[in-house]
Every structure is written in structure tokens, then in C-alpha cells.
N, C-alpha and C. Protein backbone atom coordinates (compact mmCIF):
# COMPACT_ATOMS: atom_id res chain seq x y z
N MET A 1 0.85 -1.17 0.00
CA MET A 1 0.00 0.00 0.00
C MET A 1 0.90 1.24 0.00
N SER A 2 0.55 2.20 -0.83
CA SER A 2 1.36 3.41 -0.94
C SER A 2 1.16 4.30 0.29
N ASP A 3 2.11 5.22 0.48
CA ASP A 3 2.02 6.15 1.61
C ASP A 3 0.79 7.05 1.48
N ASP A 4 0.47 7.46 0.24
CA ASP A 4 -0.72 8.30 0.04
C ASP A 4 -1.99 7.56 0.45
N LYS A 5 -2.07 6.29 0.09
CA LYS A 5 -3.24 5.48 0.43
C LYS A 5 -3.33 5.28 1.95
N LYS A 6 -2.19 5.05 2.60
CA LYS A 6 -2.18 4.90 4.05
C LYS A 6 -2.63 6.19 4.73
N THR A 7 -2.14 7.31 4.22
CA THR A 7 -2.51 8.61 4.77
C THR A 7 -4.01 8.85 4.60
N GLN A 8 -4.51 8.53 3.42
CA GLN A 8 -5.93 8.70 3.13
C GLN A 8 -6.79 7.79 4.01
N ASP A 9 -6.37 6.54 4.16
CA ASP A 9 -7.10 5.61 5.02
C ASP A 9 -7.12 6.10 6.47
N LYS A 10 -5.98 6.59 6.93
CA LYS A 10 -5.89 7.10 8.31
C LYS A 10 -6.77 8.34 8.48
N ALA A 11 -6.75 9.23 7.48
CA ALA A 11 -7.59 10.43 7.54
C ALA A 11 -9.07 10.05 7.61
N PHE A 12 -9.46 9.06 6.81
CA PHE A 12 -10.84 8.58 6.82
C PHE A 12 -11.20 8.00 8.19
N GLU A 13 -10.31 7.21 8.72
CA GLU A 13 -10.53 6.58 10.03
C GLU A 13 -10.70 7.64 11.12
N VAL A 14 -9.83 8.65 11.10
CA VAL A 14 -9.90 9.72 12.10
C VAL A 14 -11.18 10.54 11.91
N ALA A 15 -11.52 10.86 10.66
CA ALA A 15 -12.72 11.65 10.39
C ALA A 15 -13.98 10.90 10.84
N LEU A 16 -14.03 9.61 10.56
CA LEU A 16 -15.19 8.81 10.95
C LEU A 16 -15.29 8.69 12.47
N ALA A 17 -14.16 8.47 13.12
CA ALA A 17 -14.15 8.37 14.59
C ALA A 17 -14.56 9.71 15.22
N THR A 18 -14.09 10.81 14.65
CA THR A 18 -14.43 12.13 15.19
C THR A 18 -15.91 12.43 14.98
N ARG A 19 -16.44 12.07 13.81
CA ARG A 19 -17.87 12.23 13.55
C ARG A 19 -18.68 11.45 14.58
N ASN A 20 -18.32 10.21 14.81
CA ASN A 20 -19.02 9.38 15.79
C ASN A 20 -18.90 9.96 17.19
N PHE A 21 -17.73 10.51 17.50
CA PHE A 21 -17.51 11.14 18.80
C PHE A 21 -18.40 12.38 18.95
N GLU A 22 -18.54 13.16 17.88
CA GLU A 22 -19.42 14.34 17.92
C GLU A 22 -20.87 13.94 18.17
N ILE A 23 -21.30 12.84 17.55
CA ILE A 23 -22.67 12.36 17.77
C ILE A 23 -22.84 11.93 19.23
N GLU A 24 -21.86 11.22 19.75
CA GLU A 24 -21.90 10.81 21.16
C GLU A 24 -21.95 12.03 22.08
N LEU A 25 -21.14 13.04 21.79
CA LEU A 25 -21.14 14.26 22.61
C LEU A 25 -22.47 15.00 22.52
N PHE A 26 -23.09 14.98 21.34
CA PHE A 26 -24.40 15.61 21.16
C PHE A 26 -25.37 15.09 22.22
N TRP A 27 -25.42 13.76 22.37
CA TRP A 27 -26.35 13.17 23.33
C TRP A 27 -25.90 13.38 24.77
N LYS A 28 -24.61 13.31 25.03
CA LYS A 28 -24.13 13.55 26.39
C LYS A 28 -24.43 14.97 26.84
N ARG A 29 -24.27 15.92 25.93
CA ARG A 29 -24.58 17.32 26.27
C ARG A 29 -26.07 17.48 26.55
N SER A 30 -26.90 16.81 25.76
CA SER A 30 -28.35 16.89 25.98
C SER A 30 -28.72 16.35 27.36
N VAL A 31 -28.15 15.22 27.73
CA VAL A 31 -28.42 14.64 29.05
C VAL A 31 -27.96 15.60 30.15
N PHE A 32 -26.81 16.22 29.96
CA PHE A 32 -26.29 17.19 30.93
C PHE A 32 -27.29 18.33 31.13
N PHE A 33 -27.74 18.93 30.02
CA PHE A 33 -28.67 20.05 30.14
C PHE A 33 -30.02 19.61 30.68
N TRP A 34 -30.47 18.40 30.30
CA TRP A 34 -31.76 17.95 30.78
C TRP A 34 -31.76 17.73 32.28
N GLY A 35 -30.63 17.45 32.86
CA GLY A 35 -30.56 17.37 34.32
C GLY A 35 -30.98 18.68 34.96
N PHE A 36 -30.45 19.79 34.44
CA PHE A 36 -30.81 21.11 34.96
C PHE A 36 -32.24 21.49 34.59
N ILE A 37 -32.63 21.20 33.36
CA ILE A 37 -33.97 21.59 32.89
C ILE A 37 -35.05 20.82 33.65
N ALA A 38 -34.88 19.52 33.79
CA ALA A 38 -35.87 18.71 34.52
C ALA A 38 -35.95 19.15 35.98
N SER A 39 -34.80 19.42 36.58
CA SER A 39 -34.79 19.91 37.97
C SER A 39 -35.52 21.24 38.07
N SER A 40 -35.35 22.08 37.07
CA SER A 40 -36.04 23.37 37.06
C SER A 40 -37.55 23.18 36.97
N PHE A 41 -38.01 22.27 36.11
CA PHE A 41 -39.44 22.00 36.01
C PHE A 41 -40.00 21.50 37.34
N VAL A 42 -39.28 20.59 37.98
CA VAL A 42 -39.73 20.06 39.28
C VAL A 42 -39.75 21.18 40.32
N GLY A 43 -38.69 21.98 40.37
CA GLY A 43 -38.64 23.09 41.32
C GLY A 43 -39.74 24.10 41.07
N TYR A 44 -39.98 24.41 39.81
CA TYR A 44 -41.03 25.36 39.45
C TYR A 44 -42.39 24.84 39.92
N ALA A 45 -42.68 23.59 39.57
CA ALA A 45 -43.98 23.01 39.94
C ALA A 45 -44.15 22.93 41.46
N SER A 46 -43.07 22.68 42.16
CA SER A 46 -43.13 22.58 43.63
C SER A 46 -43.36 23.93 44.29
N LEU A 47 -42.86 25.00 43.67
CA LEU A 47 -42.90 26.32 44.29
C LEU A 47 -44.02 27.23 43.79
N ILE A 48 -44.69 26.87 42.73
CA ILE A 48 -45.64 27.78 42.09
C ILE A 48 -46.72 28.27 43.05
N LYS A 49 -47.24 27.41 43.90
CA LYS A 49 -48.30 27.83 44.83
C LYS A 49 -47.73 28.51 46.07
N ALA A 50 -46.58 28.09 46.51
CA ALA A 50 -46.00 28.62 47.75
C ALA A 50 -45.32 29.97 47.55
N SER A 51 -44.59 30.13 46.45
CA SER A 51 -43.82 31.35 46.25
C SER A 51 -43.74 31.68 44.76
N SER A 52 -44.62 32.59 44.35
CA SER A 52 -44.65 32.98 42.94
C SER A 52 -43.33 33.63 42.52
N GLY A 53 -42.76 34.44 43.40
CA GLY A 53 -41.50 35.12 43.08
C GLY A 53 -40.36 34.15 42.87
N LEU A 54 -40.25 33.18 43.75
CA LEU A 54 -39.18 32.19 43.63
C LEU A 54 -39.40 31.29 42.42
N SER A 55 -40.67 31.00 42.11
CA SER A 55 -40.94 30.18 40.93
C SER A 55 -40.53 30.90 39.65
N VAL A 56 -40.64 32.23 39.63
CA VAL A 56 -40.17 33.00 38.47
C VAL A 56 -38.65 32.90 38.35
N VAL A 57 -37.96 32.96 39.47
CA VAL A 57 -36.50 32.80 39.45
C VAL A 57 -36.13 31.43 38.87
N ILE A 58 -36.83 30.40 39.31
CA ILE A 58 -36.59 29.04 38.79
C ILE A 58 -36.90 29.00 37.29
N ALA A 59 -38.00 29.64 36.88
CA ALA A 59 -38.36 29.67 35.46
C ALA A 59 -37.28 30.39 34.64
N CYS A 60 -36.72 31.45 35.19
CA CYS A 60 -35.63 32.16 34.49
C CYS A 60 -34.40 31.26 34.35
N PHE A 61 -34.09 30.52 35.39
CA PHE A 61 -32.97 29.58 35.32
C PHE A 61 -33.25 28.50 34.27
N GLY A 62 -34.47 27.96 34.27
CA GLY A 62 -34.85 26.97 33.27
C GLY A 62 -34.77 27.53 31.87
N PHE A 63 -35.18 28.78 31.70
CA PHE A 63 -35.10 29.44 30.40
C PHE A 63 -33.66 29.55 29.92
N VAL A 64 -32.77 30.01 30.80
CA VAL A 64 -31.36 30.17 30.41
C VAL A 64 -30.73 28.81 30.10
N CYS A 65 -31.01 27.80 30.91
CA CYS A 65 -30.48 26.45 30.63
C CYS A 65 -31.00 25.92 29.30
N SER A 66 -32.28 26.13 29.04
CA SER A 66 -32.87 25.66 27.79
C SER A 66 -32.31 26.41 26.59
N PHE A 67 -32.11 27.71 26.75
CA PHE A 67 -31.53 28.51 25.67
C PHE A 67 -30.09 28.05 25.38
N ALA A 68 -29.34 27.81 26.44
CA ALA A 68 -27.97 27.31 26.26
C ALA A 68 -27.99 25.94 25.57
N TRP A 69 -28.92 25.08 25.96
CA TRP A 69 -29.05 23.76 25.33
C TRP A 69 -29.35 23.89 23.84
N ALA A 70 -30.24 24.82 23.49
CA ALA A 70 -30.57 25.03 22.07
C ALA A 70 -29.34 25.47 21.29
N LEU A 71 -28.55 26.36 21.85
CA LEU A 71 -27.33 26.83 21.17
C LEU A 71 -26.29 25.72 21.06
N VAL A 72 -26.10 24.97 22.13
CA VAL A 72 -25.13 23.87 22.12
C VAL A 72 -25.55 22.81 21.10
N ASN A 73 -26.85 22.53 21.01
CA ASN A 73 -27.33 21.57 20.00
C ASN A 73 -26.95 22.02 18.60
N ARG A 74 -27.11 23.30 18.32
CA ARG A 74 -26.77 23.81 16.99
C ARG A 74 -25.26 23.73 16.74
N GLY A 75 -24.47 24.04 17.74
CA GLY A 75 -23.02 23.92 17.60
C GLY A 75 -22.60 22.48 17.38
N SER A 76 -23.20 21.56 18.11
CA SER A 76 -22.90 20.14 17.94
C SER A 76 -23.27 19.67 16.54
N LYS A 77 -24.44 20.10 16.07
CA LYS A 77 -24.89 19.72 14.73
C LYS A 77 -23.93 20.24 13.67
N ARG A 78 -23.44 21.45 13.87
CA ARG A 78 -22.49 22.03 12.91
C ARG A 78 -21.22 21.19 12.82
N TRP A 79 -20.66 20.79 13.96
CA TRP A 79 -19.44 19.98 13.95
C TRP A 79 -19.69 18.58 13.40
N GLN A 80 -20.84 18.02 13.72
CA GLN A 80 -21.18 16.71 13.17
C GLN A 80 -21.24 16.79 11.65
N GLU A 81 -21.91 17.81 11.12
CA GLU A 81 -22.01 17.96 9.66
C GLU A 81 -20.65 18.22 9.03
N ASN A 82 -19.79 18.97 9.73
CA ASN A 82 -18.44 19.22 9.23
C ASN A 82 -17.69 17.90 9.02
N TRP A 83 -17.73 17.03 10.03
CA TRP A 83 -17.03 15.75 9.93
C TRP A 83 -17.71 14.81 8.95
N GLU A 84 -19.02 14.91 8.80
CA GLU A 84 -19.71 14.10 7.79
C GLU A 84 -19.28 14.49 6.38
N LEU A 85 -19.07 15.78 6.15
CA LEU A 85 -18.58 16.23 4.84
C LEU A 85 -17.17 15.71 4.56
N ILE A 86 -16.33 15.73 5.58
CA ILE A 86 -14.97 15.21 5.42
C ILE A 86 -15.01 13.71 5.12
N VAL A 87 -15.85 12.98 5.84
CA VAL A 87 -16.00 11.54 5.59
C VAL A 87 -16.50 11.32 4.16
N ALA A 88 -17.49 12.09 3.73
CA ALA A 88 -18.04 11.95 2.38
C ALA A 88 -16.97 12.22 1.32
N ASP A 89 -16.11 13.21 1.56
CA ASP A 89 -15.04 13.52 0.60
C ASP A 89 -14.03 12.38 0.48
N LEU A 90 -13.77 11.69 1.58
CA LEU A 90 -12.74 10.64 1.59
C LEU A 90 -13.28 9.25 1.28
N GLU A 91 -14.56 9.02 1.49
CA GLU A 91 -15.06 7.65 1.46
C GLU A 91 -14.99 6.97 0.11
N ASP A 92 -15.18 7.68 -0.99
CA ASP A 92 -15.13 7.03 -2.30
C ASP A 92 -13.81 6.32 -2.53
N GLU A 93 -12.73 6.94 -2.09
CA GLU A 93 -11.40 6.36 -2.29
C GLU A 93 -11.10 5.24 -1.30
N VAL A 94 -11.76 5.26 -0.15
CA VAL A 94 -11.43 4.31 0.91
C VAL A 94 -12.41 3.13 0.95
N THR A 95 -13.71 3.44 0.98
CA THR A 95 -14.70 2.37 1.13
C THR A 95 -15.72 2.32 0.00
N GLY A 96 -15.65 3.25 -0.91
CA GLY A 96 -16.72 3.37 -1.90
C GLY A 96 -17.85 4.17 -1.28
N SER A 97 -19.04 4.05 -1.81
CA SER A 97 -20.18 4.84 -1.33
C SER A 97 -20.88 4.17 -0.16
N LEU A 98 -20.13 3.88 0.86
CA LEU A 98 -20.69 3.17 2.02
C LEU A 98 -21.71 4.02 2.78
N PHE A 99 -21.40 5.31 2.99
CA PHE A 99 -22.27 6.16 3.78
C PHE A 99 -23.17 7.05 2.94
N THR A 100 -22.73 7.45 1.77
CA THR A 100 -23.51 8.41 0.99
C THR A 100 -24.60 7.78 0.15
N LYS A 101 -24.45 6.54 -0.25
CA LYS A 101 -25.46 5.89 -1.07
C LYS A 101 -26.43 5.15 -0.16
N ARG A 102 -27.69 5.57 -0.22
CA ARG A 102 -28.68 4.95 0.64
C ARG A 102 -29.90 4.56 -0.18
N GLU A 103 -30.34 3.38 0.04
CA GLU A 103 -31.59 2.91 -0.55
C GLU A 103 -32.55 2.65 0.60
N SER A 104 -33.75 3.12 0.45
CA SER A 104 -34.75 2.90 1.49
C SER A 104 -35.25 1.46 1.44
N LYS A 105 -35.20 0.81 2.56
CA LYS A 105 -35.67 -0.57 2.67
C LYS A 105 -37.19 -0.60 2.66
N CYS A 106 -37.76 0.35 3.35
CA CYS A 106 -39.21 0.39 3.50
C CYS A 106 -39.81 1.41 2.56
N LYS A 107 -40.67 0.95 1.70
CA LYS A 107 -41.36 1.86 0.79
C LYS A 107 -42.82 2.03 1.21
N GLY A 108 -43.20 1.41 2.31
CA GLY A 108 -44.58 1.42 2.75
C GLY A 108 -45.03 2.79 3.21
N THR A 109 -46.33 2.95 3.26
CA THR A 109 -46.90 4.21 3.72
C THR A 109 -47.59 4.06 5.07
N SER A 110 -47.35 2.94 5.71
CA SER A 110 -47.94 2.71 7.02
C SER A 110 -47.46 3.77 8.00
N TRP A 111 -48.30 4.11 8.94
CA TRP A 111 -47.90 5.11 9.92
C TRP A 111 -46.76 4.61 10.80
N LEU A 112 -46.51 3.32 10.81
CA LEU A 112 -45.41 2.75 11.59
C LEU A 112 -44.14 2.54 10.77
N SER A 113 -44.17 2.86 9.49
CA SER A 113 -42.99 2.64 8.66
C SER A 113 -41.91 3.69 8.95
N ALA A 114 -40.70 3.37 8.55
CA ALA A 114 -39.56 4.27 8.77
C ALA A 114 -39.77 5.59 8.03
N ARG A 115 -39.23 6.63 8.58
CA ARG A 115 -39.30 7.96 7.97
C ARG A 115 -37.90 8.56 7.95
N ASN A 116 -37.72 9.51 7.07
CA ASN A 116 -36.42 10.14 6.90
C ASN A 116 -36.34 11.42 7.75
N TYR A 117 -36.29 11.25 9.06
CA TYR A 117 -36.18 12.40 9.97
C TYR A 117 -34.77 12.50 10.52
N SER A 118 -34.36 13.73 10.73
CA SER A 118 -33.07 13.99 11.35
C SER A 118 -33.26 14.01 12.86
N VAL A 119 -32.62 13.09 13.54
CA VAL A 119 -32.74 13.01 14.99
C VAL A 119 -32.24 14.30 15.64
N SER A 120 -31.15 14.84 15.11
CA SER A 120 -30.61 16.07 15.71
C SER A 120 -31.51 17.27 15.42
N LYS A 121 -32.13 17.34 14.24
CA LYS A 121 -33.05 18.46 13.95
C LYS A 121 -34.27 18.40 14.87
N VAL A 122 -34.79 17.21 15.09
CA VAL A 122 -35.94 17.07 15.98
C VAL A 122 -35.54 17.45 17.41
N THR A 123 -34.34 17.08 17.82
CA THR A 123 -33.86 17.44 19.15
C THR A 123 -33.67 18.95 19.28
N ILE A 124 -33.16 19.58 18.23
CA ILE A 124 -33.02 21.04 18.23
C ILE A 124 -34.40 21.69 18.35
N ALA A 125 -35.38 21.16 17.61
CA ALA A 125 -36.74 21.69 17.70
C ALA A 125 -37.30 21.52 19.11
N LEU A 126 -37.02 20.39 19.75
CA LEU A 126 -37.47 20.17 21.13
C LEU A 126 -36.81 21.17 22.07
N SER A 127 -35.52 21.43 21.88
CA SER A 127 -34.84 22.40 22.75
C SER A 127 -35.43 23.80 22.55
N ASP A 128 -35.76 24.15 21.31
CA ASP A 128 -36.40 25.44 21.06
C ASP A 128 -37.77 25.52 21.73
N PHE A 129 -38.51 24.42 21.66
CA PHE A 129 -39.84 24.38 22.28
C PHE A 129 -39.73 24.53 23.80
N THR A 130 -38.72 23.93 24.38
CA THR A 130 -38.49 24.05 25.82
C THR A 130 -38.20 25.51 26.19
N VAL A 131 -37.43 26.19 25.35
CA VAL A 131 -37.18 27.62 25.55
C VAL A 131 -38.51 28.38 25.54
N LEU A 132 -39.36 28.06 24.56
CA LEU A 132 -40.65 28.75 24.45
C LEU A 132 -41.56 28.48 25.65
N ILE A 133 -41.52 27.27 26.19
CA ILE A 133 -42.32 26.96 27.38
C ILE A 133 -41.89 27.84 28.55
N TRP A 134 -40.58 27.90 28.79
CA TRP A 134 -40.08 28.73 29.89
C TRP A 134 -40.42 30.20 29.66
N LEU A 135 -40.26 30.66 28.43
CA LEU A 135 -40.57 32.05 28.11
C LEU A 135 -42.05 32.34 28.36
N ALA A 136 -42.92 31.42 27.95
CA ALA A 136 -44.36 31.60 28.18
C ALA A 136 -44.68 31.65 29.68
N LEU A 137 -44.03 30.80 30.46
CA LEU A 137 -44.26 30.82 31.91
C LEU A 137 -43.81 32.15 32.53
N ILE A 138 -42.66 32.64 32.09
CA ILE A 138 -42.16 33.92 32.61
C ILE A 138 -43.11 35.06 32.23
N VAL A 139 -43.52 35.10 30.96
CA VAL A 139 -44.44 36.14 30.50
C VAL A 139 -45.76 36.07 31.26
N TRP A 140 -46.25 34.86 31.48
CA TRP A 140 -47.50 34.68 32.22
C TRP A 140 -47.38 35.25 33.63
N HIS A 141 -46.27 34.97 34.30
CA HIS A 141 -46.06 35.52 35.65
C HIS A 141 -45.97 37.04 35.63
N VAL A 142 -45.24 37.58 34.67
CA VAL A 142 -45.09 39.04 34.58
C VAL A 142 -46.44 39.69 34.31
N MET A 143 -47.22 39.11 33.40
CA MET A 143 -48.54 39.67 33.10
C MET A 143 -49.45 39.61 34.32
N ARG A 144 -49.42 38.53 35.05
CA ARG A 144 -50.25 38.42 36.26
C ARG A 144 -49.83 39.44 37.31
N GLN A 145 -48.54 39.73 37.36
CA GLN A 145 -48.02 40.64 38.37
C GLN A 145 -48.29 42.11 38.02
N PHE A 146 -48.15 42.46 36.73
CA PHE A 146 -48.13 43.88 36.37
C PHE A 146 -49.29 44.34 35.49
N CYS A 147 -50.06 43.45 34.93
CA CYS A 147 -51.15 43.86 34.04
C CYS A 147 -52.48 43.75 34.77
N SER A 148 -53.29 44.80 34.63
CA SER A 148 -54.59 44.77 35.29
C SER A 148 -55.58 43.86 34.55
N ALA A 149 -55.47 43.81 33.23
CA ALA A 149 -56.35 42.93 32.45
C ALA A 149 -55.84 41.50 32.55
N GLN A 150 -56.67 40.64 33.07
CA GLN A 150 -56.28 39.24 33.25
C GLN A 150 -56.83 38.39 32.11
N ILE A 151 -56.01 37.51 31.61
CA ILE A 151 -56.45 36.53 30.62
C ILE A 151 -56.86 35.29 31.40
N SER A 152 -58.02 34.75 31.06
CA SER A 152 -58.50 33.58 31.81
C SER A 152 -57.56 32.40 31.57
N GLU A 153 -57.48 31.54 32.57
CA GLU A 153 -56.60 30.38 32.49
C GLU A 153 -57.02 29.45 31.35
N SER A 154 -58.32 29.33 31.10
CA SER A 154 -58.78 28.46 30.02
C SER A 154 -58.34 28.98 28.65
N VAL A 155 -58.29 30.29 28.48
CA VAL A 155 -57.79 30.87 27.22
C VAL A 155 -56.30 30.58 27.07
N VAL A 156 -55.55 30.71 28.15
CA VAL A 156 -54.12 30.42 28.12
C VAL A 156 -53.88 28.95 27.77
N VAL A 157 -54.64 28.05 28.40
CA VAL A 157 -54.51 26.62 28.11
C VAL A 157 -54.83 26.34 26.64
N LEU A 158 -55.88 26.95 26.13
CA LEU A 158 -56.25 26.76 24.72
C LEU A 158 -55.15 27.28 23.79
N MET A 159 -54.62 28.47 24.07
CA MET A 159 -53.56 29.04 23.23
C MET A 159 -52.31 28.17 23.23
N ILE A 160 -51.92 27.69 24.40
CA ILE A 160 -50.72 26.85 24.49
C ILE A 160 -50.95 25.51 23.80
N SER A 161 -52.15 24.96 23.93
CA SER A 161 -52.45 23.69 23.27
C SER A 161 -52.40 23.83 21.75
N VAL A 162 -53.01 24.87 21.22
CA VAL A 162 -52.98 25.10 19.77
C VAL A 162 -51.56 25.36 19.30
N ALA A 163 -50.82 26.17 20.03
CA ALA A 163 -49.42 26.45 19.65
C ALA A 163 -48.59 25.17 19.68
N SER A 164 -48.83 24.29 20.64
CA SER A 164 -48.10 23.02 20.73
C SER A 164 -48.39 22.13 19.54
N ILE A 165 -49.65 22.07 19.14
CA ILE A 165 -50.02 21.25 17.97
C ILE A 165 -49.38 21.81 16.71
N ILE A 166 -49.43 23.12 16.54
CA ILE A 166 -48.80 23.75 15.37
C ILE A 166 -47.30 23.47 15.37
N TYR A 167 -46.67 23.58 16.53
CA TYR A 167 -45.23 23.33 16.62
C TYR A 167 -44.90 21.88 16.30
N ALA A 168 -45.71 20.95 16.76
CA ALA A 168 -45.49 19.53 16.46
C ALA A 168 -45.61 19.27 14.96
N VAL A 169 -46.57 19.91 14.30
CA VAL A 169 -46.70 19.77 12.85
C VAL A 169 -45.46 20.35 12.16
N LEU A 170 -44.98 21.48 12.63
CA LEU A 170 -43.76 22.07 12.05
C LEU A 170 -42.56 21.15 12.22
N ILE A 171 -42.45 20.49 13.37
CA ILE A 171 -41.37 19.52 13.57
C ILE A 171 -41.48 18.39 12.55
N ALA A 172 -42.70 17.90 12.33
CA ALA A 172 -42.91 16.82 11.37
C ALA A 172 -42.53 17.25 9.95
N VAL A 173 -42.78 18.51 9.62
CA VAL A 173 -42.48 19.01 8.27
C VAL A 173 -41.01 19.39 8.14
N LYS A 174 -40.48 20.12 9.09
CA LYS A 174 -39.12 20.67 8.99
C LYS A 174 -38.05 19.77 9.59
N GLY A 175 -38.43 18.72 10.30
CA GLY A 175 -37.45 17.86 10.96
C GLY A 175 -36.89 16.76 10.09
N ARG A 176 -37.20 16.80 8.82
CA ARG A 176 -36.71 15.75 7.91
C ARG A 176 -35.22 15.92 7.64
N SER A 177 -34.57 14.80 7.36
CA SER A 177 -33.16 14.83 6.97
C SER A 177 -33.02 15.51 5.63
N SER A 178 -31.90 16.16 5.42
CA SER A 178 -31.68 16.86 4.15
C SER A 178 -31.09 15.95 3.09
N ASP A 179 -30.69 14.73 3.44
CA ASP A 179 -30.14 13.83 2.41
C ASP A 179 -31.16 12.83 1.95
């Protein structure tokens, strides 16, 4: 084997390992942030009746953690895509079209059949939705504290339910893989 071929094989091996490492880090970072976010939800729910002021502080913390999670998800996705491009550039010479050529096994239209969704895009959408939940809770507290006109709780529940359904549909439409 020539030195160029060895170098190319090694570059492919490193690029593939780094890509896999980035995917692993994506999930580890999500678990890290979810520890703080889940704790914030529990703290918020525990304090909402006893101390509205403290529950707003917890909601602000949850908002900041969720916002940081959304940004970190995007950064992780960027690095994953970077290494996927490097793998794609090298793979034809090393393994052929092992990763870039894909044939769908399932052509069915059953609701249980496989779909071409990007796991990381759906996760990014979930992190954005979590940010919106915290933001809505903070706005709701501020409005209750400072606005004389009160919106009924049933209207708020209806608005959040409709917004959640619309957001879920957007995830289904926009969360597809680009390949």
C-alpha cells in the first residue's frame, strides 16, 4: 500500500471516529442540560403555589439552561455535519459509497414505517420548544403581576395547546433529513 493510500485511510478513520464522537457528545450534552432543565421544572412546579416570586426565578434559570441547550445543540450539529462532509469527501477512495449511497428498505406508507427524519433536527426543535415553554411561563407571571387585564386560564390553556399542535406539525415538516 502506498504512503498516500495509508494517509488517506488514516484520515478517513480519524474523520469517521471524530464524527461518531461528535454524535456521542451531542447526546451527552443533551443529558447534561436535561438534568438542569428537569430539575427546574420540578422546582417550578413545587414552588408555584407557595412562592410565585421564587418560581419565576426558577423559570428564568430553566429558560437560560434551555436557551444554552438550544445553542449547544446547533453547535454540535455544525461539527457533526463538518465531519460528515470530510467523511463523504474521503469515502469514495477508501470504502466506496458506504455512507452516501442509501436505498430505502421500507417503501410502505404505514404510519409505523420508517421515515427520513433527522434526529438532531428534531432534538433542536425540542430544545427550542423548551425555551418557548419557559418564556411563556415567565411572560405569564409578569402579566399576572403587572397587568390589570387578566387573561383567563382556560384561554391560556387553549392558546398553548394550539401552539403546541402547530409546533409539532412544524417539527414533522421541517425535521426531515436533508439527504
